[in-house]
Structure formats: C-alpha cells, structure tokens
C-alpha cells in the first residue's frame, strides 16, 4: 500500500509542477515542454504503463518506438512541414492509451509499436513546431526526448509497482480510465 501511495504522490507532484496544465506554445526549454501539458504527460506516462501491462519486450520496444518517432515528428515540426490532424492525434493518444490500460488490452507487439509510433509523431511535431525562436534545435530536441524517456520510465515503474500490489491492477486500470477521461475532454475541447 505504501508503494501505491508513493506512486500517486509522484503523479500528483508532476501535475502540480505544470505551470499551465494545457500549455501548448510554452516558450521554455525543450526538457520542460513535455511537462507543461496534461495531454503530453498523460500520453507519455501511459505509454510506459501500457508497456508494463504488455510485458516482455514491450518494456523497452514500445517506449523506444514512441521516442524515435517523436524525434521524426520534431524534425517535421522544426521544418514547419504540416502534418494533418496532429492535435486530434495527441488527444486520441491520451484517450486510446488510457483505454488500453483501463481494459488491459493485450495488443501484439507490432500493433503496439505502430500505434505509439503514430502518437509519438504527433507529439514530436507539436514540440518541434512550437520551438521558441531563440532556442538551439539540437539541445531543444535532446531536452524533450530525454524528458519523454523519463516519463516513460515513470509509467513503466509505476505500472510494475502497481501490478505487484494486492489491488494494484485495479488502481492501474483506474489510472487508465482517468487518462481516457482526459482524452475525451481534450477531444470535446478540440
């Protein structure tokens, strides 16, 4: 039970840190950008948590696919190459990843990788497109990629901790349902 409380406290601390919960257009460092919007945080933590549920090679392959395609999306964003439906893709990532966790969807590894790759492309484009004019693209990209990887690790670690607890599986599913609810809100707001 103590581990579950620690996990919730960590999650609440990350949310409390967000200067603006729905912040796109934040003009800070690249490493801060993924922490400035609940859409990004929910999706990135959910990638890790779903990977923990999937188990096996998914622990590292699913988050790695997200980060790699996030990099490609960031390059497109830097170049101002328009990718259609990125904002709805970001909202759908929060909804669908949360739903996958909530129902404990055991997707095949290829399907999981392809799904998160598409979502990573959308999130990366948003990060790259919104780079402040004075920022160095290399350090900015390294920043948002490193923070994303850390959020994936938080999701994997939290998922593994919860899966070991007596009622942890239920708590993890409830976290997924909460993420799905945020995704629904984002889609309605869109």
N, C-alpha and C. Protein backbone atom coordinates (compact mmCIF):
# COMPACT_ATOMS: atom_id res chain seq x y z
N UNK A 1 0.82 -1.19 0.00
CA UNK A 1 0.00 0.00 0.00
C UNK A 1 0.87 1.26 0.00
N UNK A 2 2.00 1.19 0.70
CA UNK A 2 2.88 2.35 0.76
C UNK A 2 3.42 2.71 -0.63
N UNK A 3 3.73 1.67 -1.44
CA UNK A 3 4.23 1.92 -2.79
C UNK A 3 3.17 2.59 -3.65
N UNK A 4 1.92 2.19 -3.49
CA UNK A 4 0.83 2.81 -4.26
C UNK A 4 0.71 4.28 -3.88
N UNK A 5 0.78 4.59 -2.60
CA UNK A 5 0.70 5.97 -2.15
C UNK A 5 1.85 6.79 -2.71
N UNK A 6 3.04 6.22 -2.73
CA UNK A 6 4.20 6.90 -3.30
C UNK A 6 3.99 7.17 -4.78
N UNK A 7 3.42 6.20 -5.51
CA UNK A 7 3.16 6.37 -6.94
C UNK A 7 2.17 7.51 -7.17
N UNK A 8 1.08 7.54 -6.40
CA UNK A 8 0.11 8.60 -6.55
C UNK A 8 0.71 9.96 -6.20
N UNK A 9 1.53 10.01 -5.15
CA UNK A 9 2.17 11.25 -4.74
C UNK A 9 3.09 11.76 -5.85
N UNK A 10 3.84 10.86 -6.46
CA UNK A 10 4.71 11.24 -7.57
C UNK A 10 3.89 11.81 -8.73
N UNK A 11 2.81 11.14 -9.07
CA UNK A 11 1.95 11.63 -10.16
C UNK A 11 1.35 12.98 -9.86
N UNK A 12 0.86 13.18 -8.65
CA UNK A 12 0.29 14.47 -8.27
C UNK A 12 1.35 15.56 -8.26
N UNK A 13 2.57 15.22 -7.85
CA UNK A 13 3.66 16.20 -7.85
C UNK A 13 3.97 16.65 -9.27
N UNK A 14 4.00 15.71 -10.21
CA UNK A 14 4.26 16.07 -11.60
C UNK A 14 3.16 16.98 -12.14
N UNK A 15 1.92 16.67 -11.80
CA UNK A 15 0.81 17.50 -12.28
C UNK A 15 0.85 18.89 -11.64
N UNK A 16 1.19 18.94 -10.35
CA UNK A 16 1.25 20.23 -9.67
C UNK A 16 2.36 21.11 -10.23
N UNK A 17 3.40 20.47 -10.77
CA UNK A 17 4.52 21.20 -11.34
C UNK A 17 4.15 21.94 -12.61
N UNK A 18 3.16 21.45 -13.32
CA UNK A 18 2.78 22.06 -14.60
C UNK A 18 2.38 23.51 -14.40
N UNK A 19 3.09 24.45 -14.99
CA UNK A 19 2.71 25.85 -14.85
C UNK A 19 1.37 26.15 -15.51
N UNK A 20 1.08 25.44 -16.57
CA UNK A 20 -0.20 25.61 -17.24
C UNK A 20 -0.59 24.25 -17.75
N UNK A 21 -1.64 23.68 -17.20
CA UNK A 21 -1.95 22.28 -17.43
C UNK A 21 -2.18 21.96 -18.91
N UNK A 22 -2.70 22.87 -19.67
CA UNK A 22 -2.95 22.61 -21.09
C UNK A 22 -2.09 23.54 -21.94
N UNK A 23 -0.79 23.56 -21.70
CA UNK A 23 0.08 24.56 -22.32
C UNK A 23 0.72 24.06 -23.59
N UNK A 24 0.19 24.49 -24.71
CA UNK A 24 0.95 24.41 -25.95
C UNK A 24 1.43 25.82 -26.18
N UNK A 25 2.56 25.94 -26.80
CA UNK A 25 3.10 27.27 -27.01
C UNK A 25 3.97 27.73 -25.86
N UNK A 26 4.30 26.87 -24.91
CA UNK A 26 5.17 27.23 -23.80
C UNK A 26 6.54 27.57 -24.36
N UNK A 27 7.10 28.68 -23.90
CA UNK A 27 8.34 29.15 -24.51
C UNK A 27 9.57 28.81 -23.68
N UNK A 28 9.57 27.73 -22.96
CA UNK A 28 10.71 27.35 -22.14
C UNK A 28 11.64 26.40 -22.84
N UNK A 29 12.41 25.69 -22.06
CA UNK A 29 13.39 24.74 -22.58
C UNK A 29 12.70 23.51 -23.13
N UNK A 30 13.42 22.81 -24.01
CA UNK A 30 12.87 21.59 -24.59
C UNK A 30 12.53 20.54 -23.54
N UNK A 31 13.36 20.43 -22.51
CA UNK A 31 13.10 19.42 -21.49
C UNK A 31 11.85 19.73 -20.69
N UNK A 32 11.45 20.99 -20.63
CA UNK A 32 10.25 21.36 -19.87
C UNK A 32 8.97 21.16 -20.67
N UNK A 33 9.05 21.24 -21.97
CA UNK A 33 7.84 21.21 -22.79
C UNK A 33 6.93 20.01 -22.53
N UNK A 34 7.45 18.80 -22.42
CA UNK A 34 6.54 17.66 -22.16
C UNK A 34 5.86 17.73 -20.80
N UNK A 35 6.40 18.55 -19.89
CA UNK A 35 5.83 18.66 -18.54
C UNK A 35 4.79 19.77 -18.44
N UNK A 36 4.58 20.52 -19.51
CA UNK A 36 3.71 21.69 -19.43
C UNK A 36 2.30 21.46 -19.94
N UNK A 37 1.97 20.25 -20.26
CA UNK A 37 0.61 19.97 -20.72
C UNK A 37 0.17 18.60 -20.25
N UNK A 38 -1.01 18.53 -19.70
CA UNK A 38 -1.51 17.25 -19.21
C UNK A 38 -1.70 16.27 -20.36
N UNK A 39 -1.92 16.78 -21.57
CA UNK A 39 -2.05 15.89 -22.73
C UNK A 39 -0.75 15.13 -22.96
N UNK A 40 0.37 15.83 -22.94
CA UNK A 40 1.66 15.18 -23.15
C UNK A 40 2.00 14.26 -21.97
N UNK A 41 1.82 14.74 -20.77
CA UNK A 41 2.18 13.94 -19.60
C UNK A 41 1.36 12.65 -19.53
N UNK A 42 0.05 12.76 -19.72
CA UNK A 42 -0.79 11.55 -19.66
C UNK A 42 -0.37 10.54 -20.72
N UNK A 43 -0.16 11.00 -21.94
CA UNK A 43 0.20 10.08 -23.02
C UNK A 43 1.54 9.42 -22.77
N UNK A 44 2.52 10.19 -22.34
CA UNK A 44 3.87 9.65 -22.19
C UNK A 44 3.97 8.69 -21.00
N UNK A 45 3.30 9.00 -19.92
CA UNK A 45 3.28 8.08 -18.78
C UNK A 45 2.47 6.84 -19.15
N UNK A 46 1.39 7.04 -19.90
CA UNK A 46 0.55 5.91 -20.32
C UNK A 46 1.31 4.95 -21.23
N UNK A 47 2.19 5.46 -22.09
CA UNK A 47 3.00 4.57 -22.93
C UNK A 47 3.79 3.61 -22.05
N UNK A 48 4.40 4.15 -21.00
CA UNK A 48 5.17 3.31 -20.09
C UNK A 48 4.30 2.33 -19.32
N UNK A 49 3.17 2.82 -18.80
CA UNK A 49 2.28 1.96 -18.02
C UNK A 49 1.71 0.83 -18.88
N UNK A 50 1.32 1.15 -20.12
CA UNK A 50 0.79 0.11 -21.00
C UNK A 50 1.88 -0.90 -21.34
N UNK A 51 3.11 -0.42 -21.51
CA UNK A 51 4.24 -1.31 -21.76
C UNK A 51 4.42 -2.28 -20.61
N UNK A 52 4.25 -1.78 -19.37
CA UNK A 52 4.36 -2.65 -18.20
C UNK A 52 3.27 -3.72 -18.23
N UNK A 53 2.06 -3.33 -18.62
CA UNK A 53 0.97 -4.30 -18.72
C UNK A 53 1.26 -5.34 -19.80
N UNK A 54 1.82 -4.90 -20.91
CA UNK A 54 2.08 -5.82 -22.02
C UNK A 54 3.20 -6.80 -21.67
N UNK A 55 4.19 -6.32 -20.94
CA UNK A 55 5.29 -7.18 -20.51
C UNK A 55 6.22 -7.58 -21.64
N UNK A 56 7.16 -8.46 -21.32
CA UNK A 56 8.11 -8.94 -22.31
C UNK A 56 8.94 -7.83 -22.94
N UNK A 57 9.14 -7.93 -24.24
CA UNK A 57 9.95 -6.94 -24.97
C UNK A 57 9.27 -5.58 -25.03
N UNK A 58 7.98 -5.53 -24.76
CA UNK A 58 7.25 -4.26 -24.81
C UNK A 58 7.81 -3.24 -23.84
N UNK A 59 8.45 -3.71 -22.74
CA UNK A 59 9.02 -2.79 -21.76
C UNK A 59 9.91 -1.74 -22.40
N UNK A 60 10.69 -2.16 -23.37
CA UNK A 60 11.60 -1.20 -23.97
C UNK A 60 11.26 -0.89 -25.43
N UNK A 61 10.64 -1.82 -26.15
CA UNK A 61 10.38 -1.57 -27.57
C UNK A 61 9.28 -0.54 -27.80
N UNK A 62 8.22 -0.59 -27.01
CA UNK A 62 7.11 0.34 -27.20
C UNK A 62 7.55 1.78 -26.87
N UNK A 63 8.15 2.04 -25.69
CA UNK A 63 8.62 3.41 -25.43
C UNK A 63 9.69 3.88 -26.42
N UNK A 64 10.56 2.97 -26.85
CA UNK A 64 11.60 3.35 -27.82
C UNK A 64 10.98 3.79 -29.14
N UNK A 65 9.95 3.09 -29.58
CA UNK A 65 9.26 3.47 -30.82
C UNK A 65 8.66 4.87 -30.68
N UNK A 66 8.04 5.14 -29.54
CA UNK A 66 7.45 6.47 -29.31
C UNK A 66 8.53 7.54 -29.43
N UNK A 67 9.66 7.35 -28.72
CA UNK A 67 10.72 8.37 -28.71
C UNK A 67 11.32 8.55 -30.10
N UNK A 68 11.56 7.46 -30.83
CA UNK A 68 12.13 7.57 -32.18
C UNK A 68 11.22 8.33 -33.13
N UNK A 69 9.94 8.01 -33.09
CA UNK A 69 9.01 8.71 -33.99
C UNK A 69 8.70 10.12 -33.49
N UNK A 70 8.85 10.34 -32.21
CA UNK A 70 8.73 11.69 -31.68
C UNK A 70 9.86 12.56 -32.25
N UNK A 71 11.04 11.99 -32.35
CA UNK A 71 12.17 12.70 -32.96
C UNK A 71 11.85 13.07 -34.40
N UNK A 72 11.33 12.11 -35.17
CA UNK A 72 10.96 12.39 -36.57
C UNK A 72 9.88 13.48 -36.65
N UNK A 73 8.89 13.39 -35.78
CA UNK A 73 7.86 14.42 -35.74
C UNK A 73 8.43 15.77 -35.38
N UNK A 74 9.39 15.78 -34.45
CA UNK A 74 10.04 17.03 -34.07
C UNK A 74 10.78 17.66 -35.24
N UNK A 75 11.46 16.82 -36.05
CA UNK A 75 12.14 17.34 -37.24
C UNK A 75 11.14 17.97 -38.21
N UNK A 76 10.00 17.33 -38.38
CA UNK A 76 8.94 17.90 -39.25
C UNK A 76 8.44 19.22 -38.68
N UNK A 77 8.28 19.26 -37.37
CA UNK A 77 7.82 20.50 -36.73
C UNK A 77 8.84 21.61 -36.87
N UNK A 78 10.13 21.31 -36.68
CA UNK A 78 11.18 22.31 -36.85
C UNK A 78 11.13 22.90 -38.25
N UNK A 79 10.90 22.04 -39.24
CA UNK A 79 10.87 22.47 -40.64
C UNK A 79 9.53 23.07 -41.04
N UNK A 80 8.58 23.11 -40.13
CA UNK A 80 7.23 23.61 -40.37
C UNK A 80 6.54 22.84 -41.51
N UNK A 81 6.85 21.56 -41.59
CA UNK A 81 6.15 20.68 -42.51
C UNK A 81 4.83 20.32 -41.83
N UNK A 82 3.74 20.65 -42.46
CA UNK A 82 2.44 20.46 -41.84
C UNK A 82 2.04 18.98 -41.86
N UNK A 83 1.76 18.45 -40.70
CA UNK A 83 1.21 17.11 -40.57
C UNK A 83 -0.25 17.26 -40.17
N UNK A 84 -1.16 16.75 -40.97
CA UNK A 84 -2.57 16.94 -40.65
C UNK A 84 -2.98 16.19 -39.39
N UNK A 85 -3.91 16.78 -38.70
CA UNK A 85 -4.58 16.16 -37.55
C UNK A 85 -3.66 15.88 -36.37
N UNK A 86 -2.59 16.66 -36.19
CA UNK A 86 -1.70 16.38 -35.06
C UNK A 86 -2.37 16.62 -33.72
N UNK A 87 -3.12 17.69 -33.59
CA UNK A 87 -3.77 17.98 -32.30
C UNK A 87 -4.79 16.91 -31.94
N UNK A 88 -5.57 16.47 -32.90
CA UNK A 88 -6.54 15.39 -32.61
C UNK A 88 -5.78 14.09 -32.36
N UNK A 89 -4.64 13.89 -33.02
CA UNK A 89 -3.81 12.72 -32.77
C UNK A 89 -3.27 12.70 -31.34
N UNK A 90 -2.88 13.86 -30.84
CA UNK A 90 -2.41 13.97 -29.46
C UNK A 90 -3.55 13.64 -28.51
N UNK A 91 -4.72 14.20 -28.74
CA UNK A 91 -5.89 13.92 -27.89
C UNK A 91 -6.28 12.44 -27.94
N UNK A 92 -6.25 11.88 -29.15
CA UNK A 92 -6.57 10.45 -29.29
C UNK A 92 -5.55 9.56 -28.58
N UNK A 93 -4.29 10.01 -28.55
CA UNK A 93 -3.28 9.22 -27.85
C UNK A 93 -3.60 9.11 -26.37
N UNK A 94 -4.06 10.20 -25.78
CA UNK A 94 -4.42 10.19 -24.36
C UNK A 94 -5.62 9.27 -24.13
N UNK A 95 -6.62 9.39 -24.99
CA UNK A 95 -7.82 8.57 -24.87
C UNK A 95 -7.52 7.09 -25.10
N UNK A 96 -6.88 6.76 -26.21
CA UNK A 96 -6.69 5.35 -26.58
C UNK A 96 -5.68 4.63 -25.69
N UNK A 97 -4.59 5.31 -25.31
CA UNK A 97 -3.64 4.68 -24.40
C UNK A 97 -4.28 4.47 -23.02
N UNK A 98 -5.04 5.46 -22.55
CA UNK A 98 -5.75 5.30 -21.29
C UNK A 98 -6.75 4.16 -21.35
N UNK A 99 -7.47 4.07 -22.46
CA UNK A 99 -8.45 2.99 -22.64
C UNK A 99 -7.76 1.62 -22.68
N UNK A 100 -6.62 1.54 -23.37
CA UNK A 100 -5.87 0.28 -23.43
C UNK A 100 -5.46 -0.17 -22.04
N UNK A 101 -5.04 0.76 -21.20
CA UNK A 101 -4.68 0.43 -19.82
C UNK A 101 -5.91 0.03 -19.03
N UNK A 102 -6.99 0.79 -19.19
CA UNK A 102 -8.22 0.54 -18.43
C UNK A 102 -8.80 -0.83 -18.70
N UNK A 103 -8.73 -1.28 -19.94
CA UNK A 103 -9.31 -2.59 -20.27
C UNK A 103 -8.24 -3.69 -20.33
N UNK A 104 -7.00 -3.32 -19.99
CA UNK A 104 -5.86 -4.25 -20.04
C UNK A 104 -5.76 -4.92 -21.41
N UNK A 105 -5.77 -4.08 -22.45
CA UNK A 105 -5.72 -4.57 -23.82
C UNK A 105 -4.35 -5.16 -24.12
N UNK A 106 -4.29 -6.41 -24.43
CA UNK A 106 -3.04 -7.12 -24.71
C UNK A 106 -2.79 -7.15 -26.21
N UNK A 107 -2.37 -6.04 -26.73
CA UNK A 107 -2.08 -5.93 -28.17
C UNK A 107 -0.81 -6.69 -28.50
N UNK A 108 -0.70 -7.12 -29.73
CA UNK A 108 0.56 -7.69 -30.20
C UNK A 108 1.61 -6.60 -30.24
N UNK A 109 2.85 -6.99 -30.13
CA UNK A 109 3.94 -6.02 -30.04
C UNK A 109 4.02 -5.12 -31.27
N UNK A 110 3.79 -5.67 -32.47
CA UNK A 110 3.85 -4.86 -33.70
C UNK A 110 2.75 -3.81 -33.69
N UNK A 111 1.53 -4.21 -33.31
CA UNK A 111 0.42 -3.26 -33.25
C UNK A 111 0.71 -2.16 -32.24
N UNK A 112 1.22 -2.53 -31.07
CA UNK A 112 1.53 -1.55 -30.03
C UNK A 112 2.60 -0.58 -30.51
N UNK A 113 3.63 -1.10 -31.16
CA UNK A 113 4.71 -0.25 -31.67
C UNK A 113 4.17 0.72 -32.73
N UNK A 114 3.38 0.21 -33.67
CA UNK A 114 2.84 1.08 -34.72
C UNK A 114 1.92 2.15 -34.15
N UNK A 115 1.11 1.77 -33.17
CA UNK A 115 0.20 2.74 -32.56
C UNK A 115 0.94 3.86 -31.85
N UNK A 116 1.90 3.49 -30.99
CA UNK A 116 2.62 4.54 -30.26
C UNK A 116 3.55 5.33 -31.18
N UNK A 117 4.02 4.71 -32.27
CA UNK A 117 4.85 5.45 -33.23
C UNK A 117 4.04 6.59 -33.85
N UNK A 118 2.81 6.30 -34.22
CA UNK A 118 1.94 7.35 -34.78
C UNK A 118 1.70 8.46 -33.76
N UNK A 119 1.44 8.06 -32.52
CA UNK A 119 1.23 9.06 -31.47
C UNK A 119 2.50 9.86 -31.20
N UNK A 120 3.65 9.19 -31.21
CA UNK A 120 4.92 9.88 -31.00
C UNK A 120 5.18 10.91 -32.08
N UNK A 121 4.82 10.58 -33.32
CA UNK A 121 4.96 11.52 -34.43
C UNK A 121 4.16 12.80 -34.16
N UNK A 122 2.93 12.64 -33.69
CA UNK A 122 2.08 13.80 -33.40
C UNK A 122 2.65 14.64 -32.25
N UNK A 123 3.05 14.00 -31.16
CA UNK A 123 3.60 14.74 -30.02
C UNK A 123 4.90 15.43 -30.42
N UNK A 124 5.75 14.74 -31.17
CA UNK A 124 7.01 15.33 -31.60
C UNK A 124 6.80 16.54 -32.49
N UNK A 125 5.83 16.45 -33.39
CA UNK A 125 5.55 17.58 -34.27
C UNK A 125 5.16 18.81 -33.44
N UNK A 126 4.30 18.60 -32.45
CA UNK A 126 3.88 19.73 -31.60
C UNK A 126 5.08 20.35 -30.88
N UNK A 127 5.96 19.50 -30.36
CA UNK A 127 7.14 20.03 -29.67
C UNK A 127 8.05 20.78 -30.64
N UNK A 128 8.30 20.20 -31.80
CA UNK A 128 9.18 20.83 -32.77
C UNK A 128 8.61 22.11 -33.36
N UNK A 129 7.33 22.11 -33.65
CA UNK A 129 6.69 23.28 -34.25
C UNK A 129 6.69 24.47 -33.30
N UNK A 130 6.60 24.18 -32.01
CA UNK A 130 6.48 25.26 -31.01
C UNK A 130 7.81 25.66 -30.40
N UNK A 131 8.92 25.34 -31.06
CA UNK A 131 10.22 25.72 -30.53
C UNK A 131 10.32 27.25 -30.48
N UNK A 132 10.77 27.79 -29.36
CA UNK A 132 10.98 29.24 -29.29
C UNK A 132 12.05 29.67 -30.31
N UNK A 133 11.89 30.85 -30.87
CA UNK A 133 12.76 31.33 -31.95
C UNK A 133 14.24 31.35 -31.55
N UNK A 134 14.54 31.63 -30.32
CA UNK A 134 15.94 31.77 -29.89
C UNK A 134 16.59 30.44 -29.45
N UNK A 135 15.86 29.35 -29.48
CA UNK A 135 16.37 28.08 -28.97
C UNK A 135 17.22 27.34 -30.00
N UNK A 136 18.19 26.60 -29.51
CA UNK A 136 19.00 25.72 -30.32
C UNK A 136 18.21 24.45 -30.57
N UNK A 137 18.02 24.07 -31.82
CA UNK A 137 17.17 22.92 -32.16
C UNK A 137 17.73 21.61 -31.58
N UNK A 138 19.03 21.45 -31.58
CA UNK A 138 19.62 20.20 -31.08
C UNK A 138 19.38 20.05 -29.59
N UNK A 139 19.70 21.08 -28.81
CA UNK A 139 19.51 20.96 -27.37
C UNK A 139 18.03 20.91 -27.00
N UNK A 140 17.22 21.63 -27.75
CA UNK A 140 15.77 21.60 -27.51
C UNK A 140 15.22 20.19 -27.74
N UNK A 141 15.62 19.57 -28.86
CA UNK A 141 15.16 18.21 -29.17
C UNK A 141 15.68 17.21 -28.15
N UNK A 142 16.96 17.31 -27.80
CA UNK A 142 17.51 16.41 -26.78
C UNK A 142 16.75 16.57 -25.47
N UNK A 143 16.36 17.78 -25.16
CA UNK A 143 15.61 18.03 -23.93
C UNK A 143 14.25 17.36 -23.93
N UNK A 144 13.46 17.58 -24.98
CA UNK A 144 12.12 16.98 -24.95
C UNK A 144 12.16 15.46 -25.11
N UNK A 145 13.18 14.95 -25.79
CA UNK A 145 13.32 13.49 -25.91
C UNK A 145 13.73 12.87 -24.58
N UNK A 146 14.64 13.51 -23.86
CA UNK A 146 15.07 12.99 -22.56
C UNK A 146 13.93 13.01 -21.56
N UNK A 147 13.17 14.10 -21.51
CA UNK A 147 12.04 14.18 -20.59
C UNK A 147 10.98 13.15 -20.94
N UNK A 148 10.75 12.95 -22.22
CA UNK A 148 9.79 11.94 -22.66
C UNK A 148 10.22 10.55 -22.19
N UNK A 149 11.50 10.23 -22.39
CA UNK A 149 12.01 8.93 -21.95
C UNK A 149 11.84 8.77 -20.43
N UNK A 150 12.09 9.84 -19.69
CA UNK A 150 11.92 9.78 -18.23
C UNK A 150 10.45 9.56 -17.86
N UNK A 151 9.54 10.21 -18.56
CA UNK A 151 8.11 10.00 -18.29
C UNK A 151 7.70 8.57 -18.63
N UNK A 152 8.28 8.00 -19.68
CA UNK A 152 8.02 6.59 -19.99
C UNK A 152 8.51 5.70 -18.85
N UNK A 153 9.68 6.01 -18.32
CA UNK A 153 10.23 5.23 -17.20
C UNK A 153 9.32 5.34 -15.97
N UNK A 154 8.81 6.54 -15.70
CA UNK A 154 7.86 6.71 -14.60
C UNK A 154 6.64 5.81 -14.82
N UNK A 155 6.14 5.77 -16.06
CA UNK A 155 4.99 4.92 -16.37
C UNK A 155 5.28 3.44 -16.21
N UNK A 156 6.44 3.01 -16.72
CA UNK A 156 6.81 1.60 -16.59
C UNK A 156 6.99 1.24 -15.12
N UNK A 157 7.74 2.06 -14.38
CA UNK A 157 7.99 1.77 -12.96
C UNK A 157 6.70 1.77 -12.16
N UNK A 158 5.87 2.79 -12.40
CA UNK A 158 4.59 2.85 -11.70
C UNK A 158 3.70 1.66 -12.04
N UNK A 159 3.68 1.30 -13.32
CA UNK A 159 2.89 0.14 -13.73
C UNK A 159 3.38 -1.14 -13.08
N UNK A 160 4.69 -1.33 -13.06
CA UNK A 160 5.24 -2.53 -12.44
C UNK A 160 4.96 -2.58 -10.95
N UNK A 161 5.09 -1.44 -10.29
CA UNK A 161 4.80 -1.37 -8.85
C UNK A 161 3.34 -1.73 -8.60
N UNK A 162 2.46 -1.13 -9.37
CA UNK A 162 1.03 -1.39 -9.18
C UNK A 162 0.68 -2.84 -9.50
N UNK A 163 1.29 -3.41 -10.50
CA UNK A 163 0.99 -4.80 -10.86
C UNK A 163 1.42 -5.78 -9.78
N UNK A 164 2.34 -5.37 -8.92
CA UNK A 164 2.81 -6.22 -7.82
C UNK A 164 1.95 -6.10 -6.57
N UNK A 165 1.18 -5.06 -6.45
CA UNK A 165 0.37 -4.81 -5.25
C UNK A 165 -0.93 -5.61 -5.28
N UNK A 166 -1.52 -5.79 -4.12
CA UNK A 166 -2.74 -6.59 -3.99
C UNK A 166 -3.86 -6.07 -4.89
N UNK A 167 -4.20 -4.79 -4.76
CA UNK A 167 -5.24 -4.20 -5.59
C UNK A 167 -4.65 -3.28 -6.66
N UNK A 168 -3.36 -3.44 -6.91
CA UNK A 168 -2.67 -2.55 -7.82
C UNK A 168 -3.17 -2.60 -9.25
N UNK A 169 -3.54 -3.78 -9.71
CA UNK A 169 -4.04 -3.93 -11.08
C UNK A 169 -5.28 -3.05 -11.27
N UNK A 170 -6.16 -3.06 -10.27
CA UNK A 170 -7.35 -2.22 -10.32
C UNK A 170 -6.97 -0.74 -10.32
N UNK A 171 -6.01 -0.37 -9.48
CA UNK A 171 -5.58 1.04 -9.43
C UNK A 171 -4.98 1.48 -10.76
N UNK A 172 -4.21 0.60 -11.38
CA UNK A 172 -3.63 0.92 -12.68
C UNK A 172 -4.72 1.10 -13.72
N UNK A 173 -5.70 0.23 -13.69
CA UNK A 173 -6.82 0.34 -14.63
C UNK A 173 -7.59 1.65 -14.39
N UNK A 174 -7.74 2.04 -13.13
CA UNK A 174 -8.42 3.30 -12.82
C UNK A 174 -7.62 4.50 -13.32
N UNK A 175 -6.30 4.41 -13.22
CA UNK A 175 -5.45 5.47 -13.78
C UNK A 175 -5.65 5.55 -15.30
N UNK A 176 -5.74 4.39 -15.95
CA UNK A 176 -6.01 4.37 -17.39
C UNK A 176 -7.35 5.00 -17.72
N UNK A 177 -8.36 4.70 -16.90
CA UNK A 177 -9.69 5.28 -17.12
C UNK A 177 -9.64 6.81 -16.94
N UNK A 178 -8.86 7.27 -15.97
CA UNK A 178 -8.72 8.71 -15.76
C UNK A 178 -8.06 9.36 -16.98
N UNK A 179 -7.05 8.70 -17.53
CA UNK A 179 -6.39 9.21 -18.73
C UNK A 179 -7.37 9.25 -19.90
N UNK A 180 -8.16 8.20 -20.04
CA UNK A 180 -9.16 8.17 -21.12
C UNK A 180 -10.16 9.31 -20.95
N UNK A 181 -10.55 9.61 -19.72
CA UNK A 181 -11.48 10.72 -19.47
C UNK A 181 -10.85 12.05 -19.87
N UNK A 182 -9.56 12.22 -19.58
CA UNK A 182 -8.86 13.43 -20.01
C UNK A 182 -8.85 13.49 -21.54
N UNK A 183 -8.62 12.35 -22.18
CA UNK A 183 -8.64 12.31 -23.65
C UNK A 183 -9.98 12.71 -24.22
N UNK A 184 -11.06 12.25 -23.60
CA UNK A 184 -12.40 12.63 -24.06
C UNK A 184 -12.59 14.14 -23.92
N UNK A 185 -12.16 14.68 -22.78
CA UNK A 185 -12.26 16.13 -22.58
C UNK A 185 -11.48 16.89 -23.67
N UNK A 186 -10.27 16.42 -23.96
CA UNK A 186 -9.43 17.10 -24.97
C UNK A 186 -10.08 17.05 -26.34
N UNK A 187 -10.69 15.92 -26.67
CA UNK A 187 -11.35 15.79 -27.97
C UNK A 187 -12.56 16.71 -28.04
N UNK A 188 -13.34 16.78 -26.99
CA UNK A 188 -14.51 17.67 -26.95
C UNK A 188 -14.06 19.12 -27.07
N UNK A 189 -12.99 19.46 -26.36
CA UNK A 189 -12.45 20.82 -26.36
C UNK A 189 -11.88 21.19 -27.71
N UNK A 190 -11.40 20.18 -28.44
CA UNK A 190 -10.77 20.41 -29.74
C UNK A 190 -11.79 20.95 -30.70
